[in-house]
mmCIF file of all heavy atoms, coordinates in Angstrom:
data_MODEL
# 
_entry.id   MODEL 
# 
loop_
_atom_site.group_PDB 
_atom_site.id 
_atom_site.type_symbol 
_atom_site.label_atom_id 
_atom_site.label_alt_id 
_atom_site.label_comp_id 
_atom_site.label_asym_id 
_atom_site.label_entity_id 
_atom_site.label_seq_id 
_atom_site.pdbx_PDB_ins_code 
_atom_site.Cartn_x 
_atom_site.Cartn_y 
_atom_site.Cartn_z 
_atom_site.occupancy 
_atom_site.B_iso_or_equiv 
_atom_site.pdbx_formal_charge 
_atom_site.auth_seq_id 
_atom_site.auth_comp_id 
_atom_site.auth_asym_id 
_atom_site.auth_atom_id 
_atom_site.pdbx_PDB_model_num 
ATOM 1   N N   . ALA A 1 1  ? -7.884  15.756  2.119   1.00 0.00 ? 1  ALA A N   1 
ATOM 2   C CA  . ALA A 1 1  ? -8.693  14.667  2.122   1.00 0.00 ? 1  ALA A CA  1 
ATOM 3   C C   . ALA A 1 1  ? -8.116  13.547  1.038   1.00 0.00 ? 1  ALA A C   1 
ATOM 4   O O   . ALA A 1 1  ? -8.053  12.383  1.326   1.00 0.00 ? 1  ALA A O   1 
ATOM 5   C CB  . ALA A 1 1  ? -10.080 14.940  1.748   1.00 0.00 ? 1  ALA A CB  1 
ATOM 6   N N   . ILE A 1 2  ? -7.634  14.114  -0.106  1.00 0.00 ? 2  ILE A N   1 
ATOM 7   C CA  . ILE A 1 2  ? -7.150  13.368  -1.178  1.00 0.00 ? 2  ILE A CA  1 
ATOM 8   C C   . ILE A 1 2  ? -5.751  12.713  -0.723  1.00 0.00 ? 2  ILE A C   1 
ATOM 9   O O   . ILE A 1 2  ? -5.606  11.540  -0.877  1.00 0.00 ? 2  ILE A O   1 
ATOM 10  C CB  . ILE A 1 2  ? -6.939  14.197  -2.455  1.00 0.00 ? 2  ILE A CB  1 
ATOM 11  C CG1 . ILE A 1 2  ? -8.286  14.614  -3.020  1.00 0.00 ? 2  ILE A CG1 1 
ATOM 12  C CG2 . ILE A 1 2  ? -6.205  13.309  -3.505  1.00 0.00 ? 2  ILE A CG2 1 
ATOM 13  C CD1 . ILE A 1 2  ? -8.101  15.682  -4.093  1.00 0.00 ? 2  ILE A CD1 1 
ATOM 14  N N   . MET A 1 3  ? -4.949  13.474  -0.034  1.00 0.00 ? 3  MET A N   1 
ATOM 15  C CA  . MET A 1 3  ? -3.686  12.913  0.414   1.00 0.00 ? 3  MET A CA  1 
ATOM 16  C C   . MET A 1 3  ? -3.892  11.949  1.537   1.00 0.00 ? 3  MET A C   1 
ATOM 17  O O   . MET A 1 3  ? -3.101  10.943  1.557   1.00 0.00 ? 3  MET A O   1 
ATOM 18  C CB  . MET A 1 3  ? -2.822  14.148  0.845   1.00 0.00 ? 3  MET A CB  1 
ATOM 19  C CG  . MET A 1 3  ? -2.157  15.042  -0.188  1.00 0.00 ? 3  MET A CG  1 
ATOM 20  S SD  . MET A 1 3  ? -0.954  16.304  0.296   1.00 0.00 ? 3  MET A SD  1 
ATOM 21  C CE  . MET A 1 3  ? -2.157  17.401  1.157   1.00 0.00 ? 3  MET A CE  1 
ATOM 22  N N   . LEU A 1 4  ? -4.816  12.191  2.458   1.00 0.00 ? 4  LEU A N   1 
ATOM 23  C CA  . LEU A 1 4  ? -5.092  11.275  3.527   1.00 0.00 ? 4  LEU A CA  1 
ATOM 24  C C   . LEU A 1 4  ? -5.553  9.943   2.927   1.00 0.00 ? 4  LEU A C   1 
ATOM 25  O O   . LEU A 1 4  ? -5.026  8.914   3.380   1.00 0.00 ? 4  LEU A O   1 
ATOM 26  C CB  . LEU A 1 4  ? -6.191  11.890  4.376   1.00 0.00 ? 4  LEU A CB  1 
ATOM 27  C CG  . LEU A 1 4  ? -6.606  10.930  5.525   1.00 0.00 ? 4  LEU A CG  1 
ATOM 28  C CD1 . LEU A 1 4  ? -5.397  10.593  6.402   1.00 0.00 ? 4  LEU A CD1 1 
ATOM 29  C CD2 . LEU A 1 4  ? -7.727  11.499  6.398   1.00 0.00 ? 4  LEU A CD2 1 
ATOM 30  N N   . ALA A 1 5  ? -6.491  9.905   1.970   1.00 0.00 ? 5  ALA A N   1 
ATOM 31  C CA  . ALA A 1 5  ? -6.853  8.683   1.348   1.00 0.00 ? 5  ALA A CA  1 
ATOM 32  C C   . ALA A 1 5  ? -5.731  7.990   0.741   1.00 0.00 ? 5  ALA A C   1 
ATOM 33  O O   . ALA A 1 5  ? -5.612  6.627   0.824   1.00 0.00 ? 5  ALA A O   1 
ATOM 34  C CB  . ALA A 1 5  ? -7.983  8.936   0.398   1.00 0.00 ? 5  ALA A CB  1 
ATOM 35  N N   . PHE A 1 6  ? -4.879  8.692   -0.017  1.00 0.00 ? 6  PHE A N   1 
ATOM 36  C CA  . PHE A 1 6  ? -3.696  8.042   -0.649  1.00 0.00 ? 6  PHE A CA  1 
ATOM 37  C C   . PHE A 1 6  ? -2.778  7.440   0.392   1.00 0.00 ? 6  PHE A C   1 
ATOM 38  O O   . PHE A 1 6  ? -2.306  6.349   0.163   1.00 0.00 ? 6  PHE A O   1 
ATOM 39  C CB  . PHE A 1 6  ? -3.006  9.141   -1.400  1.00 0.00 ? 6  PHE A CB  1 
ATOM 40  C CG  . PHE A 1 6  ? -2.022  8.719   -2.478  1.00 0.00 ? 6  PHE A CG  1 
ATOM 41  C CD1 . PHE A 1 6  ? -2.505  8.030   -3.644  1.00 0.00 ? 6  PHE A CD1 1 
ATOM 42  C CD2 . PHE A 1 6  ? -0.724  8.915   -2.348  1.00 0.00 ? 6  PHE A CD2 1 
ATOM 43  C CE1 . PHE A 1 6  ? -1.644  7.520   -4.546  1.00 0.00 ? 6  PHE A CE1 1 
ATOM 44  C CE2 . PHE A 1 6  ? 0.121   8.339   -3.321  1.00 0.00 ? 6  PHE A CE2 1 
ATOM 45  C CZ  . PHE A 1 6  ? -0.281  7.680   -4.496  1.00 0.00 ? 6  PHE A CZ  1 
ATOM 46  N N   . LEU A 1 7  ? -2.543  8.255   1.492   1.00 0.00 ? 7  LEU A N   1 
ATOM 47  C CA  . LEU A 1 7  ? -1.552  7.705   2.505   1.00 0.00 ? 7  LEU A CA  1 
ATOM 48  C C   . LEU A 1 7  ? -2.024  6.575   3.312   1.00 0.00 ? 7  LEU A C   1 
ATOM 49  O O   . LEU A 1 7  ? -1.285  5.797   3.809   1.00 0.00 ? 7  LEU A O   1 
ATOM 50  C CB  . LEU A 1 7  ? -1.178  8.952   3.414   1.00 0.00 ? 7  LEU A CB  1 
ATOM 51  C CG  . LEU A 1 7  ? -0.251  9.931   2.772   1.00 0.00 ? 7  LEU A CG  1 
ATOM 52  C CD1 . LEU A 1 7  ? -0.110  11.117  3.690   1.00 0.00 ? 7  LEU A CD1 1 
ATOM 53  C CD2 . LEU A 1 7  ? 1.179   9.365   2.688   1.00 0.00 ? 7  LEU A CD2 1 
ATOM 54  N N   . ILE A 1 8  ? -3.345  6.464   3.500   1.00 0.00 ? 8  ILE A N   1 
ATOM 55  C CA  . ILE A 1 8  ? -3.924  5.236   4.194   1.00 0.00 ? 8  ILE A CA  1 
ATOM 56  C C   . ILE A 1 8  ? -3.464  3.966   3.463   1.00 0.00 ? 8  ILE A C   1 
ATOM 57  O O   . ILE A 1 8  ? -3.228  2.990   4.134   1.00 0.00 ? 8  ILE A O   1 
ATOM 58  C CB  . ILE A 1 8  ? -5.453  5.398   4.387   1.00 0.00 ? 8  ILE A CB  1 
ATOM 59  C CG1 . ILE A 1 8  ? -5.832  6.452   5.354   1.00 0.00 ? 8  ILE A CG1 1 
ATOM 60  C CG2 . ILE A 1 8  ? -6.048  4.089   4.687   1.00 0.00 ? 8  ILE A CG2 1 
ATOM 61  C CD1 . ILE A 1 8  ? -7.331  6.866   5.485   1.00 0.00 ? 8  ILE A CD1 1 
ATOM 62  N N   . VAL A 1 9  ? -3.704  4.045   2.201   1.00 0.00 ? 9  VAL A N   1 
ATOM 63  C CA  . VAL A 1 9  ? -3.408  2.862   1.344   1.00 0.00 ? 9  VAL A CA  1 
ATOM 64  C C   . VAL A 1 9  ? -1.790  2.488   1.320   1.00 0.00 ? 9  VAL A C   1 
ATOM 65  O O   . VAL A 1 9  ? -1.283  1.445   1.508   1.00 0.00 ? 9  VAL A O   1 
ATOM 66  C CB  . VAL A 1 9  ? -3.698  3.038   -0.057  1.00 0.00 ? 9  VAL A CB  1 
ATOM 67  C CG1 . VAL A 1 9  ? -3.419  1.704   -0.909  1.00 0.00 ? 9  VAL A CG1 1 
ATOM 68  C CG2 . VAL A 1 9  ? -5.205  3.407   -0.202  1.00 0.00 ? 9  VAL A CG2 1 
ATOM 69  N N   . ILE A 1 10 ? -0.967  3.659   1.370   1.00 0.00 ? 10 ILE A N   1 
ATOM 70  C CA  . ILE A 1 10 ? 0.435   3.471   1.490   1.00 0.00 ? 10 ILE A CA  1 
ATOM 71  C C   . ILE A 1 10 ? 0.836   2.879   2.863   1.00 0.00 ? 10 ILE A C   1 
ATOM 72  O O   . ILE A 1 10 ? 1.712   1.940   2.990   1.00 0.00 ? 10 ILE A O   1 
ATOM 73  C CB  . ILE A 1 10 ? 1.146   4.796   1.229   1.00 0.00 ? 10 ILE A CB  1 
ATOM 74  C CG1 . ILE A 1 10 ? 1.071   5.240   -0.186  1.00 0.00 ? 10 ILE A CG1 1 
ATOM 75  C CG2 . ILE A 1 10 ? 2.569   4.836   1.676   1.00 0.00 ? 10 ILE A CG2 1 
ATOM 76  C CD1 . ILE A 1 10 ? 1.702   6.562   -0.579  1.00 0.00 ? 10 ILE A CD1 1 
ATOM 77  N N   . ALA A 1 11 ? 0.183   3.448   3.968   1.00 0.00 ? 11 ALA A N   1 
ATOM 78  C CA  . ALA A 1 11 ? 0.479   2.866   5.277   1.00 0.00 ? 11 ALA A CA  1 
ATOM 79  C C   . ALA A 1 11 ? 0.211   1.400   5.289   1.00 0.00 ? 11 ALA A C   1 
ATOM 80  O O   . ALA A 1 11 ? 0.905   0.556   5.958   1.00 0.00 ? 11 ALA A O   1 
ATOM 81  C CB  . ALA A 1 11 ? -0.404  3.639   6.239   1.00 0.00 ? 11 ALA A CB  1 
ATOM 82  N N   . ALA A 1 12 ? -1.031  0.945   4.764   1.00 0.00 ? 12 ALA A N   1 
ATOM 83  C CA  . ALA A 1 12 ? -1.340  -0.411  4.653   1.00 0.00 ? 12 ALA A CA  1 
ATOM 84  C C   . ALA A 1 12 ? -0.216  -1.299  3.978   1.00 0.00 ? 12 ALA A C   1 
ATOM 85  O O   . ALA A 1 12 ? 0.132   -2.365  4.484   1.00 0.00 ? 12 ALA A O   1 
ATOM 86  C CB  . ALA A 1 12 ? -2.739  -0.702  4.021   1.00 0.00 ? 12 ALA A CB  1 
ATOM 87  N N   . GLY A 1 13 ? 0.218   -0.765  2.789   1.00 0.00 ? 13 GLY A N   1 
ATOM 88  C CA  . GLY A 1 13 ? 1.266   -1.416  2.034   1.00 0.00 ? 13 GLY A CA  1 
ATOM 89  C C   . GLY A 1 13 ? 2.547   -1.592  2.859   1.00 0.00 ? 13 GLY A C   1 
ATOM 90  O O   . GLY A 1 13 ? 3.236   -2.604  2.824   1.00 0.00 ? 13 GLY A O   1 
ATOM 91  N N   . LEU A 1 14 ? 2.948   -0.533  3.630   1.00 0.00 ? 14 LEU A N   1 
ATOM 92  C CA  . LEU A 1 14 ? 4.143   -0.641  4.436   1.00 0.00 ? 14 LEU A CA  1 
ATOM 93  C C   . LEU A 1 14 ? 3.957   -1.589  5.583   1.00 0.00 ? 14 LEU A C   1 
ATOM 94  O O   . LEU A 1 14 ? 4.870   -2.273  5.880   1.00 0.00 ? 14 LEU A O   1 
ATOM 95  C CB  . LEU A 1 14 ? 4.459   0.811   5.035   1.00 0.00 ? 14 LEU A CB  1 
ATOM 96  C CG  . LEU A 1 14 ? 4.905   1.830   3.979   1.00 0.00 ? 14 LEU A CG  1 
ATOM 97  C CD1 . LEU A 1 14 ? 5.057   3.256   4.720   1.00 0.00 ? 14 LEU A CD1 1 
ATOM 98  C CD2 . LEU A 1 14 ? 6.055   1.445   3.187   1.00 0.00 ? 14 LEU A CD2 1 
ATOM 99  N N   . ARG A 1 15 ? 2.792   -1.708  6.135   1.00 0.00 ? 15 ARG A N   1 
ATOM 100 C CA  . ARG A 1 15 ? 2.481   -2.588  7.230   1.00 0.00 ? 15 ARG A CA  1 
ATOM 101 C C   . ARG A 1 15 ? 2.574   -3.966  6.757   1.00 0.00 ? 15 ARG A C   1 
ATOM 102 O O   . ARG A 1 15 ? 3.058   -4.885  7.564   1.00 0.00 ? 15 ARG A O   1 
ATOM 103 C CB  . ARG A 1 15 ? 1.193   -2.195  7.886   1.00 0.00 ? 15 ARG A CB  1 
ATOM 104 C CG  . ARG A 1 15 ? 1.218   -0.920  8.766   1.00 0.00 ? 15 ARG A CG  1 
ATOM 105 C CD  . ARG A 1 15 ? 2.092   -1.079  10.016  1.00 0.00 ? 15 ARG A CD  1 
ATOM 106 N NE  . ARG A 1 15 ? 1.633   -2.185  10.969  1.00 0.00 ? 15 ARG A NE  1 
ATOM 107 C CZ  . ARG A 1 15 ? 2.198   -2.622  11.990  1.00 0.00 ? 15 ARG A CZ  1 
ATOM 108 N NH1 . ARG A 1 15 ? 3.429   -2.190  12.244  1.00 0.00 ? 15 ARG A NH1 1 
ATOM 109 N NH2 . ARG A 1 15 ? 1.752   -3.508  12.693  1.00 0.00 ? 15 ARG A NH2 1 
ATOM 110 N N   . TYR A 1 16 ? 1.965   -4.312  5.601   1.00 0.00 ? 16 TYR A N   1 
ATOM 111 C CA  . TYR A 1 16 ? 1.912   -5.637  5.153   1.00 0.00 ? 16 TYR A CA  1 
ATOM 112 C C   . TYR A 1 16 ? 3.314   -6.078  4.696   1.00 0.00 ? 16 TYR A C   1 
ATOM 113 O O   . TYR A 1 16 ? 3.545   -7.412  4.633   1.00 0.00 ? 16 TYR A O   1 
ATOM 114 C CB  . TYR A 1 16 ? 0.920   -5.847  4.150   1.00 0.00 ? 16 TYR A CB  1 
ATOM 115 C CG  . TYR A 1 16 ? -0.565  -5.869  4.565   1.00 0.00 ? 16 TYR A CG  1 
ATOM 116 C CD1 . TYR A 1 16 ? -1.431  -4.935  4.288   1.00 0.00 ? 16 TYR A CD1 1 
ATOM 117 C CD2 . TYR A 1 16 ? -0.916  -7.061  5.407   1.00 0.00 ? 16 TYR A CD2 1 
ATOM 118 C CE1 . TYR A 1 16 ? -2.736  -4.887  4.879   1.00 0.00 ? 16 TYR A CE1 1 
ATOM 119 C CE2 . TYR A 1 16 ? -2.252  -7.062  5.887   1.00 0.00 ? 16 TYR A CE2 1 
ATOM 120 C CZ  . TYR A 1 16 ? -2.990  -6.114  5.546   1.00 0.00 ? 16 TYR A CZ  1 
ATOM 121 O OH  . TYR A 1 16 ? -4.416  -6.198  6.002   1.00 0.00 ? 16 TYR A OH  1 
ATOM 122 N N   . GLY A 1 17 ? 4.168   -5.081  4.278   1.00 0.00 ? 17 GLY A N   1 
ATOM 123 C CA  . GLY A 1 17 ? 5.440   -5.515  3.921   1.00 0.00 ? 17 GLY A CA  1 
ATOM 124 C C   . GLY A 1 17 ? 5.725   -5.772  2.364   1.00 0.00 ? 17 GLY A C   1 
ATOM 125 O O   . GLY A 1 17 ? 4.707   -5.763  1.533   1.00 0.00 ? 17 GLY A O   1 
ATOM 126 N N   . ILE A 1 18 ? 6.997   -5.827  1.986   1.00 0.00 ? 18 ILE A N   1 
ATOM 127 C CA  . ILE A 1 18 ? 7.340   -5.724  0.579   1.00 0.00 ? 18 ILE A CA  1 
ATOM 128 C C   . ILE A 1 18 ? 6.770   -6.894  -0.334  1.00 0.00 ? 18 ILE A C   1 
ATOM 129 O O   . ILE A 1 18 ? 6.560   -6.730  -1.433  1.00 0.00 ? 18 ILE A O   1 
ATOM 130 C CB  . ILE A 1 18 ? 8.887   -5.566  0.478   1.00 0.00 ? 18 ILE A CB  1 
ATOM 131 C CG1 . ILE A 1 18 ? 9.157   -5.368  -1.089  1.00 0.00 ? 18 ILE A CG1 1 
ATOM 132 C CG2 . ILE A 1 18 ? 9.487   -6.797  0.966   1.00 0.00 ? 18 ILE A CG2 1 
ATOM 133 C CD1 . ILE A 1 18 ? 10.643  -4.871  -1.222  1.00 0.00 ? 18 ILE A CD1 1 
ATOM 134 N N   . GLU A 1 19 ? 6.751   -8.199  0.432   1.00 0.00 ? 19 GLU A N   1 
ATOM 135 C CA  . GLU A 1 19 ? 6.204   -9.265  -0.402  1.00 0.00 ? 19 GLU A CA  1 
ATOM 136 C C   . GLU A 1 19 ? 4.874   -9.113  -0.752  1.00 0.00 ? 19 GLU A C   1 
ATOM 137 O O   . GLU A 1 19 ? 4.469   -9.407  -1.937  1.00 0.00 ? 19 GLU A O   1 
ATOM 138 C CB  . GLU A 1 19 ? 6.516   -10.585 0.414   1.00 0.00 ? 19 GLU A CB  1 
ATOM 139 C CG  . GLU A 1 19 ? 6.272   -11.858 -0.324  1.00 0.00 ? 19 GLU A CG  1 
ATOM 140 C CD  . GLU A 1 19 ? 6.741   -13.073 0.331   1.00 0.00 ? 19 GLU A CD  1 
ATOM 141 O OE1 . GLU A 1 19 ? 7.524   -12.996 1.291   1.00 0.00 ? 19 GLU A OE1 1 
ATOM 142 O OE2 . GLU A 1 19 ? 6.100   -14.224 -0.024  1.00 0.00 ? 19 GLU A OE2 1 
ATOM 143 N N   . THR A 1 20 ? 4.132   -8.504  -0.035  1.00 0.00 ? 20 THR A N   1 
ATOM 144 C CA  . THR A 1 20 ? 2.698   -8.271  -0.321  1.00 0.00 ? 20 THR A CA  1 
ATOM 145 C C   . THR A 1 20 ? 2.494   -7.324  -1.420  1.00 0.00 ? 20 THR A C   1 
ATOM 146 O O   . THR A 1 20 ? 1.760   -7.622  -2.408  1.00 0.00 ? 20 THR A O   1 
ATOM 147 C CB  . THR A 1 20 ? 1.841   -7.808  1.014   1.00 0.00 ? 20 THR A CB  1 
ATOM 148 O OG1 . THR A 1 20 ? 2.025   -8.741  1.986   1.00 0.00 ? 20 THR A OG1 1 
ATOM 149 C CG2 . THR A 1 20 ? 0.486   -7.643  0.631   1.00 0.00 ? 20 THR A CG2 1 
ATOM 150 N N   . PHE A 1 21 ? 3.139   -6.168  -1.373  1.00 0.00 ? 21 PHE A N   1 
ATOM 151 C CA  . PHE A 1 21 ? 2.777   -5.169  -2.400  1.00 0.00 ? 21 PHE A CA  1 
ATOM 152 C C   . PHE A 1 21 ? 3.588   -5.543  -3.685  1.00 0.00 ? 21 PHE A C   1 
ATOM 153 O O   . PHE A 1 21 ? 3.173   -5.130  -4.793  1.00 0.00 ? 21 PHE A O   1 
ATOM 154 C CB  . PHE A 1 21 ? 3.031   -3.677  -2.017  1.00 0.00 ? 21 PHE A CB  1 
ATOM 155 C CG  . PHE A 1 21 ? 4.461   -3.365  -1.695  1.00 0.00 ? 21 PHE A CG  1 
ATOM 156 C CD1 . PHE A 1 21 ? 5.442   -3.096  -2.584  1.00 0.00 ? 21 PHE A CD1 1 
ATOM 157 C CD2 . PHE A 1 21 ? 4.714   -3.030  -0.240  1.00 0.00 ? 21 PHE A CD2 1 
ATOM 158 C CE1 . PHE A 1 21 ? 6.672   -2.683  -2.239  1.00 0.00 ? 21 PHE A CE1 1 
ATOM 159 C CE2 . PHE A 1 21 ? 6.055   -2.628  0.032   1.00 0.00 ? 21 PHE A CE2 1 
ATOM 160 C CZ  . PHE A 1 21 ? 6.969   -2.400  -0.916  1.00 0.00 ? 21 PHE A CZ  1 
ATOM 161 N N   . ALA A 1 22 ? 4.695   -6.434  -3.588  1.00 0.00 ? 22 ALA A N   1 
ATOM 162 C CA  . ALA A 1 22 ? 5.230   -6.904  -4.840  1.00 0.00 ? 22 ALA A CA  1 
ATOM 163 C C   . ALA A 1 22 ? 4.352   -7.946  -5.595  1.00 0.00 ? 22 ALA A C   1 
ATOM 164 O O   . ALA A 1 22 ? 4.188   -7.818  -6.837  1.00 0.00 ? 22 ALA A O   1 
ATOM 165 C CB  . ALA A 1 22 ? 6.561   -7.638  -4.517  1.00 0.00 ? 22 ALA A CB  1 
ATOM 166 N N   . ARG A 1 23 ? 3.586   -8.712  -4.868  1.00 0.00 ? 23 ARG A N   1 
ATOM 167 C CA  . ARG A 1 23 ? 2.681   -9.626  -5.452  1.00 0.00 ? 23 ARG A CA  1 
ATOM 168 C C   . ARG A 1 23 ? 1.403   -8.844  -5.989  1.00 0.00 ? 23 ARG A C   1 
ATOM 169 O O   . ARG A 1 23 ? 0.928   -9.222  -7.030  1.00 0.00 ? 23 ARG A O   1 
ATOM 170 C CB  . ARG A 1 23 ? 2.210   -10.712 -4.408  1.00 0.00 ? 23 ARG A CB  1 
ATOM 171 C CG  . ARG A 1 23 ? 3.239   -11.690 -3.970  1.00 0.00 ? 23 ARG A CG  1 
ATOM 172 C CD  . ARG A 1 23 ? 2.686   -12.542 -2.937  1.00 0.00 ? 23 ARG A CD  1 
ATOM 173 N NE  . ARG A 1 23 ? 3.811   -13.562 -2.535  1.00 0.00 ? 23 ARG A NE  1 
ATOM 174 C CZ  . ARG A 1 23 ? 3.538   -14.494 -1.663  1.00 0.00 ? 23 ARG A CZ  1 
ATOM 175 N NH1 . ARG A 1 23 ? 2.468   -14.694 -1.065  1.00 0.00 ? 23 ARG A NH1 1 
ATOM 176 N NH2 . ARG A 1 23 ? 4.543   -15.403 -1.349  1.00 0.00 ? 23 ARG A NH2 1 
ATOM 177 N N   . THR A 1 24 ? 1.100   -7.882  -5.203  1.00 0.00 ? 24 THR A N   1 
ATOM 178 C CA  . THR A 1 24 ? -0.049  -7.003  -5.825  1.00 0.00 ? 24 THR A CA  1 
ATOM 179 C C   . THR A 1 24 ? 0.261   -6.380  -7.103  1.00 0.00 ? 24 THR A C   1 
ATOM 180 O O   . THR A 1 24 ? -0.488  -6.197  -8.031  1.00 0.00 ? 24 THR A O   1 
ATOM 181 C CB  . THR A 1 24 ? -0.324  -5.951  -4.785  1.00 0.00 ? 24 THR A CB  1 
ATOM 182 O OG1 . THR A 1 24 ? -0.706  -6.472  -3.525  1.00 0.00 ? 24 THR A OG1 1 
ATOM 183 C CG2 . THR A 1 24 ? -1.525  -5.176  -5.292  1.00 0.00 ? 24 THR A CG2 1 
ATOM 184 N N   . SER A 1 25 ? 1.580   -6.017  -7.283  1.00 0.00 ? 25 SER A N   1 
ATOM 185 C CA  . SER A 1 25 ? 1.990   -5.366  -8.500  1.00 0.00 ? 25 SER A CA  1 
ATOM 186 C C   . SER A 1 25 ? 1.946   -6.340  -9.683  1.00 0.00 ? 25 SER A C   1 
ATOM 187 O O   . SER A 1 25 ? 1.612   -6.062  -10.858 1.00 0.00 ? 25 SER A O   1 
ATOM 188 C CB  . SER A 1 25 ? 3.473   -4.822  -8.408  1.00 0.00 ? 25 SER A CB  1 
ATOM 189 O OG  . SER A 1 25 ? 4.364   -5.919  -8.353  1.00 0.00 ? 25 SER A OG  1 
ATOM 190 N N   . GLU A 1 26 ? 2.169   -7.727  -9.371  1.00 0.00 ? 26 GLU A N   1 
ATOM 191 C CA  . GLU A 1 26 ? 2.054   -8.766  -10.398 1.00 0.00 ? 26 GLU A CA  1 
ATOM 192 C C   . GLU A 1 26 ? 0.671   -8.851  -10.906 1.00 0.00 ? 26 GLU A C   1 
ATOM 193 O O   . GLU A 1 26 ? 0.379   -9.063  -12.039 1.00 0.00 ? 26 GLU A O   1 
ATOM 194 C CB  . GLU A 1 26 ? 2.478   -10.070 -9.866  1.00 0.00 ? 26 GLU A CB  1 
ATOM 195 C CG  . GLU A 1 26 ? 3.964   -10.405 -10.242 1.00 0.00 ? 26 GLU A CG  1 
ATOM 196 C CD  . GLU A 1 26 ? 4.290   -11.811 -9.792  1.00 0.00 ? 26 GLU A CD  1 
ATOM 197 O OE1 . GLU A 1 26 ? 4.057   -12.202 -8.612  1.00 0.00 ? 26 GLU A OE1 1 
ATOM 198 O OE2 . GLU A 1 26 ? 4.874   -12.504 -10.724 1.00 0.00 ? 26 GLU A OE2 1 
ATOM 199 N N   . LEU A 1 27 ? -0.338  -8.693  -9.901  1.00 0.00 ? 27 LEU A N   1 
ATOM 200 C CA  . LEU A 1 27 ? -1.686  -8.784  -10.263 1.00 0.00 ? 27 LEU A CA  1 
ATOM 201 C C   . LEU A 1 27 ? -2.177  -7.612  -11.211 1.00 0.00 ? 27 LEU A C   1 
ATOM 202 O O   . LEU A 1 27 ? -2.954  -7.714  -12.093 1.00 0.00 ? 27 LEU A O   1 
ATOM 203 C CB  . LEU A 1 27 ? -2.595  -8.790  -9.033  1.00 0.00 ? 27 LEU A CB  1 
ATOM 204 C CG  . LEU A 1 27 ? -2.509  -10.053 -8.210  1.00 0.00 ? 27 LEU A CG  1 
ATOM 205 C CD1 . LEU A 1 27 ? -3.287  -9.963  -6.950  1.00 0.00 ? 27 LEU A CD1 1 
ATOM 206 C CD2 . LEU A 1 27 ? -2.858  -11.310 -9.044  1.00 0.00 ? 27 LEU A CD2 1 
# 
């Protein structure tokens, strides 16, 4: 369950693309 929750967020990051998670890192 812990790994699934973690991977759901990773999958979202991969789908939105590098520019999105790069901007999130800035925040």
